[in-house]
């Protein structure tokens, strides 16, 4: 998922996305872990940041997940990204643990 977040082509050429209702991936961006959940059939994604999300991150999630699915041949006329309530990390080092436990 980090490669998708960074705009690099992921190594998923042989994966048939039609077989999945959910794609789940951790993103490591500047030594900080976050979580992206893609629901292709529902045309939406969720973004969870252990430090809390901001509007810029939600927009980036929307753009990168939509672009990824378009490259895989999906037509994405409507696409949304949002977040859901979740616990926040209380320190500066447990983001990776948060992402693993949220999965």
N, C-alpha and C. Protein backbone atom coordinates (compact mmCIF):
# COMPACT_ATOMS: atom_id res chain seq x y z
N UNK A 1 0.83 -1.19 0.00
CA UNK A 1 0.00 0.00 0.00
C UNK A 1 0.87 1.26 0.00
N UNK A 2 2.06 1.16 0.58
CA UNK A 2 2.95 2.32 0.58
C UNK A 2 3.29 2.74 -0.85
N UNK A 3 3.52 1.76 -1.73
CA UNK A 3 3.82 2.09 -3.12
C UNK A 3 2.65 2.80 -3.79
N UNK A 4 1.43 2.36 -3.51
CA UNK A 4 0.25 3.03 -4.07
C UNK A 4 0.18 4.46 -3.54
N UNK A 5 0.41 4.63 -2.24
CA UNK A 5 0.37 5.96 -1.60
C UNK A 5 1.41 6.89 -2.22
N UNK A 6 2.56 6.35 -2.59
CA UNK A 6 3.63 7.16 -3.17
C UNK A 6 3.51 7.31 -4.68
N UNK A 7 2.47 6.76 -5.26
CA UNK A 7 2.25 6.90 -6.69
C UNK A 7 3.09 5.98 -7.55
N UNK A 8 3.69 4.96 -6.96
CA UNK A 8 4.49 4.00 -7.70
C UNK A 8 3.59 2.83 -8.12
N UNK A 9 3.88 2.24 -9.29
CA UNK A 9 3.06 1.09 -9.70
C UNK A 9 3.34 -0.10 -8.78
N UNK A 10 2.31 -0.64 -8.15
CA UNK A 10 2.51 -1.78 -7.25
C UNK A 10 2.75 -3.07 -8.02
N UNK A 11 3.30 -4.04 -7.36
CA UNK A 11 3.60 -5.34 -7.97
C UNK A 11 2.40 -6.28 -7.84
N UNK A 12 1.25 -5.85 -8.31
CA UNK A 12 0.03 -6.66 -8.20
C UNK A 12 -0.53 -6.96 -9.59
N UNK A 13 0.30 -7.20 -10.54
CA UNK A 13 -0.17 -7.38 -11.92
C UNK A 13 -1.08 -8.59 -12.07
N UNK A 14 -0.84 -9.66 -11.34
CA UNK A 14 -1.57 -10.90 -11.52
C UNK A 14 -2.80 -11.02 -10.63
N UNK A 15 -3.07 -10.03 -9.78
CA UNK A 15 -4.17 -10.11 -8.84
C UNK A 15 -5.47 -9.67 -9.51
N UNK A 16 -6.49 -10.52 -9.42
CA UNK A 16 -7.81 -10.20 -9.96
C UNK A 16 -8.63 -9.53 -8.86
N UNK A 17 -8.75 -8.21 -8.92
CA UNK A 17 -9.44 -7.46 -7.88
C UNK A 17 -10.93 -7.75 -7.81
N UNK A 18 -11.48 -8.31 -8.87
CA UNK A 18 -12.91 -8.65 -8.86
C UNK A 18 -13.24 -9.72 -7.82
N UNK A 19 -12.25 -10.44 -7.37
CA UNK A 19 -12.47 -11.51 -6.40
C UNK A 19 -12.55 -11.00 -4.96
N UNK A 20 -12.27 -9.73 -4.73
CA UNK A 20 -12.16 -9.21 -3.37
C UNK A 20 -13.22 -8.13 -3.09
N UNK A 21 -13.76 -8.17 -1.90
CA UNK A 21 -14.68 -7.12 -1.48
C UNK A 21 -13.95 -6.04 -0.69
N UNK A 22 -12.74 -6.36 -0.21
CA UNK A 22 -11.97 -5.40 0.57
C UNK A 22 -10.48 -5.61 0.33
N UNK A 23 -9.77 -4.50 0.20
CA UNK A 23 -8.31 -4.52 0.12
C UNK A 23 -7.81 -3.73 1.32
N UNK A 24 -6.84 -4.26 2.00
CA UNK A 24 -6.36 -3.66 3.23
C UNK A 24 -4.86 -3.51 3.15
N UNK A 25 -4.35 -2.33 3.51
CA UNK A 25 -2.92 -2.15 3.45
C UNK A 25 -2.40 -1.08 4.38
N UNK A 26 -1.21 -1.31 4.88
CA UNK A 26 -0.53 -0.34 5.73
C UNK A 26 0.32 0.57 4.86
N UNK A 27 0.38 1.83 5.24
CA UNK A 27 1.18 2.83 4.54
C UNK A 27 2.24 3.35 5.50
N UNK A 28 3.50 3.30 5.07
CA UNK A 28 4.58 3.90 5.84
C UNK A 28 5.01 5.17 5.09
N UNK A 29 4.72 6.31 5.67
CA UNK A 29 5.01 7.59 5.04
C UNK A 29 5.81 8.44 6.04
N UNK A 30 7.05 8.70 5.72
CA UNK A 30 7.95 9.47 6.59
C UNK A 30 8.04 8.84 7.98
N UNK A 31 8.25 7.53 8.03
CA UNK A 31 8.42 6.78 9.28
C UNK A 31 7.17 6.77 10.16
N UNK A 32 6.00 6.97 9.57
CA UNK A 32 4.74 6.93 10.30
C UNK A 32 3.79 5.98 9.58
N UNK A 33 3.17 5.07 10.34
CA UNK A 33 2.27 4.08 9.77
C UNK A 33 0.82 4.52 9.85
N UNK A 34 0.10 4.31 8.75
CA UNK A 34 -1.35 4.54 8.70
C UNK A 34 -1.99 3.34 8.01
N UNK A 35 -3.31 3.33 7.96
CA UNK A 35 -4.03 2.20 7.39
C UNK A 35 -5.01 2.69 6.33
N UNK A 36 -5.04 1.98 5.20
CA UNK A 36 -6.00 2.26 4.13
C UNK A 36 -6.79 0.99 3.86
N UNK A 37 -8.11 1.14 3.82
CA UNK A 37 -9.01 0.03 3.52
C UNK A 37 -9.81 0.44 2.28
N UNK A 38 -9.74 -0.38 1.24
CA UNK A 38 -10.44 -0.08 -0.01
C UNK A 38 -11.59 -1.07 -0.18
N UNK A 39 -12.76 -0.53 -0.45
CA UNK A 39 -13.95 -1.33 -0.77
C UNK A 39 -14.31 -1.04 -2.24
N UNK A 40 -13.72 -1.77 -3.18
CA UNK A 40 -13.90 -1.43 -4.60
C UNK A 40 -15.35 -1.47 -5.06
N UNK A 41 -16.10 -2.45 -4.63
CA UNK A 41 -17.49 -2.57 -5.09
C UNK A 41 -18.38 -1.47 -4.53
N UNK A 42 -18.02 -0.94 -3.38
CA UNK A 42 -18.79 0.14 -2.77
C UNK A 42 -18.28 1.52 -3.19
N UNK A 43 -17.20 1.51 -3.97
CA UNK A 43 -16.58 2.74 -4.47
C UNK A 43 -16.20 3.69 -3.34
N UNK A 44 -15.50 3.11 -2.33
CA UNK A 44 -15.06 3.95 -1.22
C UNK A 44 -13.80 3.38 -0.59
N UNK A 45 -13.13 4.25 0.14
CA UNK A 45 -11.96 3.86 0.90
C UNK A 45 -12.06 4.49 2.29
N UNK A 46 -11.39 3.87 3.24
CA UNK A 46 -11.27 4.43 4.58
C UNK A 46 -9.81 4.69 4.87
N UNK A 47 -9.54 5.78 5.55
CA UNK A 47 -8.18 6.13 5.93
C UNK A 47 -8.14 6.29 7.44
N UNK A 48 -7.23 5.59 8.10
CA UNK A 48 -7.10 5.67 9.54
C UNK A 48 -5.66 6.04 9.90
N UNK A 49 -5.52 7.14 10.59
CA UNK A 49 -4.21 7.63 11.02
C UNK A 49 -4.19 7.59 12.55
N UNK A 50 -3.26 6.88 13.16
CA UNK A 50 -3.22 6.80 14.61
C UNK A 50 -3.07 8.15 15.30
N UNK A 51 -2.57 9.15 14.59
CA UNK A 51 -2.43 10.49 15.16
C UNK A 51 -3.65 11.36 14.87
N UNK A 52 -4.55 10.87 14.04
CA UNK A 52 -5.72 11.66 13.63
C UNK A 52 -5.56 12.08 12.17
N UNK A 53 -6.65 12.09 11.46
CA UNK A 53 -6.64 12.41 10.04
C UNK A 53 -6.86 13.90 9.82
N UNK A 54 -6.37 14.39 8.68
CA UNK A 54 -6.70 15.76 8.28
C UNK A 54 -7.27 15.72 6.87
N UNK A 55 -7.84 16.82 6.43
CA UNK A 55 -8.52 16.87 5.13
C UNK A 55 -7.57 16.54 3.98
N UNK A 56 -6.33 16.98 4.07
CA UNK A 56 -5.36 16.72 3.01
C UNK A 56 -5.11 15.22 2.86
N UNK A 57 -4.99 14.51 3.97
CA UNK A 57 -4.74 13.07 3.93
C UNK A 57 -5.95 12.32 3.36
N UNK A 58 -7.14 12.74 3.72
CA UNK A 58 -8.35 12.11 3.19
C UNK A 58 -8.42 12.32 1.68
N UNK A 59 -8.11 13.52 1.20
CA UNK A 59 -8.11 13.78 -0.25
C UNK A 59 -7.05 12.96 -0.96
N UNK A 60 -5.86 12.85 -0.36
CA UNK A 60 -4.81 12.04 -0.98
C UNK A 60 -5.24 10.58 -1.05
N UNK A 61 -5.85 10.08 0.01
CA UNK A 61 -6.35 8.71 0.02
C UNK A 61 -7.34 8.50 -1.13
N UNK A 62 -8.23 9.44 -1.29
CA UNK A 62 -9.22 9.36 -2.36
C UNK A 62 -8.53 9.31 -3.72
N UNK A 63 -7.58 10.19 -3.93
CA UNK A 63 -6.90 10.27 -5.23
C UNK A 63 -6.08 9.03 -5.53
N UNK A 64 -5.29 8.56 -4.58
CA UNK A 64 -4.40 7.44 -4.87
C UNK A 64 -5.15 6.12 -5.00
N UNK A 65 -6.18 5.92 -4.19
CA UNK A 65 -6.92 4.67 -4.30
C UNK A 65 -7.75 4.63 -5.59
N UNK A 66 -8.31 5.76 -5.94
CA UNK A 66 -9.07 5.84 -7.20
C UNK A 66 -8.15 5.60 -8.40
N UNK A 67 -6.99 6.23 -8.40
CA UNK A 67 -6.03 6.05 -9.50
C UNK A 67 -5.56 4.60 -9.59
N UNK A 68 -5.34 3.98 -8.45
CA UNK A 68 -4.91 2.58 -8.43
C UNK A 68 -5.97 1.69 -9.08
N UNK A 69 -7.21 1.86 -8.70
CA UNK A 69 -8.27 1.02 -9.26
C UNK A 69 -8.48 1.30 -10.75
N UNK A 70 -8.33 2.54 -11.16
CA UNK A 70 -8.43 2.85 -12.60
C UNK A 70 -7.34 2.13 -13.38
N UNK A 71 -6.13 2.10 -12.83
CA UNK A 71 -5.03 1.40 -13.51
C UNK A 71 -5.30 -0.10 -13.60
N UNK A 72 -6.09 -0.62 -12.68
CA UNK A 72 -6.44 -2.04 -12.69
C UNK A 72 -7.66 -2.31 -13.57
N UNK A 73 -8.18 -1.28 -14.25
CA UNK A 73 -9.26 -1.48 -15.20
C UNK A 73 -10.66 -1.20 -14.67
N UNK A 74 -10.77 -0.73 -13.46
CA UNK A 74 -12.09 -0.40 -12.90
C UNK A 74 -12.50 0.98 -13.35
N UNK A 75 -13.78 1.15 -13.67
CA UNK A 75 -14.30 2.49 -13.97
C UNK A 75 -14.77 3.11 -12.67
N UNK A 76 -14.20 4.25 -12.35
CA UNK A 76 -14.46 4.88 -11.06
C UNK A 76 -15.11 6.25 -11.28
N UNK A 77 -16.38 6.26 -11.60
CA UNK A 77 -17.07 7.53 -11.83
C UNK A 77 -17.30 8.28 -10.52
N UNK A 78 -17.63 7.55 -9.48
CA UNK A 78 -17.80 8.16 -8.16
C UNK A 78 -16.86 7.42 -7.21
N UNK A 79 -16.19 8.16 -6.38
CA UNK A 79 -15.27 7.55 -5.43
C UNK A 79 -15.20 8.44 -4.21
N UNK A 80 -15.21 7.84 -3.05
CA UNK A 80 -15.12 8.63 -1.83
C UNK A 80 -14.12 8.01 -0.88
N UNK A 81 -13.58 8.83 -0.02
CA UNK A 81 -12.70 8.38 1.04
C UNK A 81 -13.12 9.11 2.31
N UNK A 82 -13.17 8.38 3.38
CA UNK A 82 -13.54 8.97 4.67
C UNK A 82 -12.78 8.23 5.76
N UNK A 83 -13.17 8.45 6.99
CA UNK A 83 -12.59 7.75 8.11
C UNK A 83 -13.71 7.31 9.03
N UNK A 84 -13.37 6.56 10.02
CA UNK A 84 -14.33 6.13 11.04
C UNK A 84 -13.71 6.42 12.40
N UNK A 85 -14.51 6.55 13.43
CA UNK A 85 -13.93 6.76 14.75
C UNK A 85 -13.02 5.59 15.15
N UNK A 86 -11.89 5.94 15.71
CA UNK A 86 -10.93 4.92 16.13
C UNK A 86 -10.06 5.49 17.24
N UNK A 87 -9.43 4.62 18.02
CA UNK A 87 -8.55 5.12 19.08
C UNK A 87 -7.32 5.80 18.50
N UNK A 88 -6.79 6.74 19.22
CA UNK A 88 -5.58 7.47 18.81
C UNK A 88 -4.40 7.01 19.67
N UNK A 89 -3.23 7.00 19.07
CA UNK A 89 -2.04 6.65 19.83
C UNK A 89 -1.73 7.76 20.82
N UNK A 90 -1.23 7.39 21.98
CA UNK A 90 -0.95 8.36 23.04
C UNK A 90 0.53 8.68 23.16
N UNK A 91 1.34 8.14 22.26
CA UNK A 91 2.78 8.40 22.30
C UNK A 91 3.27 8.69 20.89
N UNK A 92 4.56 8.70 20.70
CA UNK A 92 5.10 9.02 19.37
C UNK A 92 5.70 7.81 18.67
N UNK A 93 5.48 6.61 19.19
CA UNK A 93 6.14 5.44 18.61
C UNK A 93 5.23 4.25 18.33
N UNK A 94 3.98 4.29 18.69
CA UNK A 94 3.15 3.09 18.57
C UNK A 94 2.26 3.04 17.33
N UNK A 95 2.54 3.85 16.32
CA UNK A 95 1.70 3.86 15.13
C UNK A 95 1.65 2.51 14.43
N UNK A 96 2.79 1.81 14.35
CA UNK A 96 2.83 0.50 13.70
C UNK A 96 1.99 -0.53 14.45
N UNK A 97 2.06 -0.50 15.77
CA UNK A 97 1.26 -1.40 16.59
C UNK A 97 -0.22 -1.11 16.40
N UNK A 98 -0.57 0.18 16.36
CA UNK A 98 -1.95 0.58 16.12
C UNK A 98 -2.47 -0.01 14.82
N UNK A 99 -1.69 0.13 13.76
CA UNK A 99 -2.11 -0.36 12.45
C UNK A 99 -2.29 -1.88 12.49
N UNK A 100 -1.38 -2.59 13.12
CA UNK A 100 -1.49 -4.05 13.21
C UNK A 100 -2.72 -4.47 14.02
N UNK A 101 -2.99 -3.78 15.10
CA UNK A 101 -4.13 -4.14 15.94
C UNK A 101 -5.46 -3.74 15.30
N UNK A 102 -5.46 -2.72 14.46
CA UNK A 102 -6.69 -2.28 13.82
C UNK A 102 -7.11 -3.26 12.75
N UNK A 103 -6.16 -3.92 12.15
CA UNK A 103 -6.45 -4.91 11.10
C UNK A 103 -7.27 -6.01 11.72
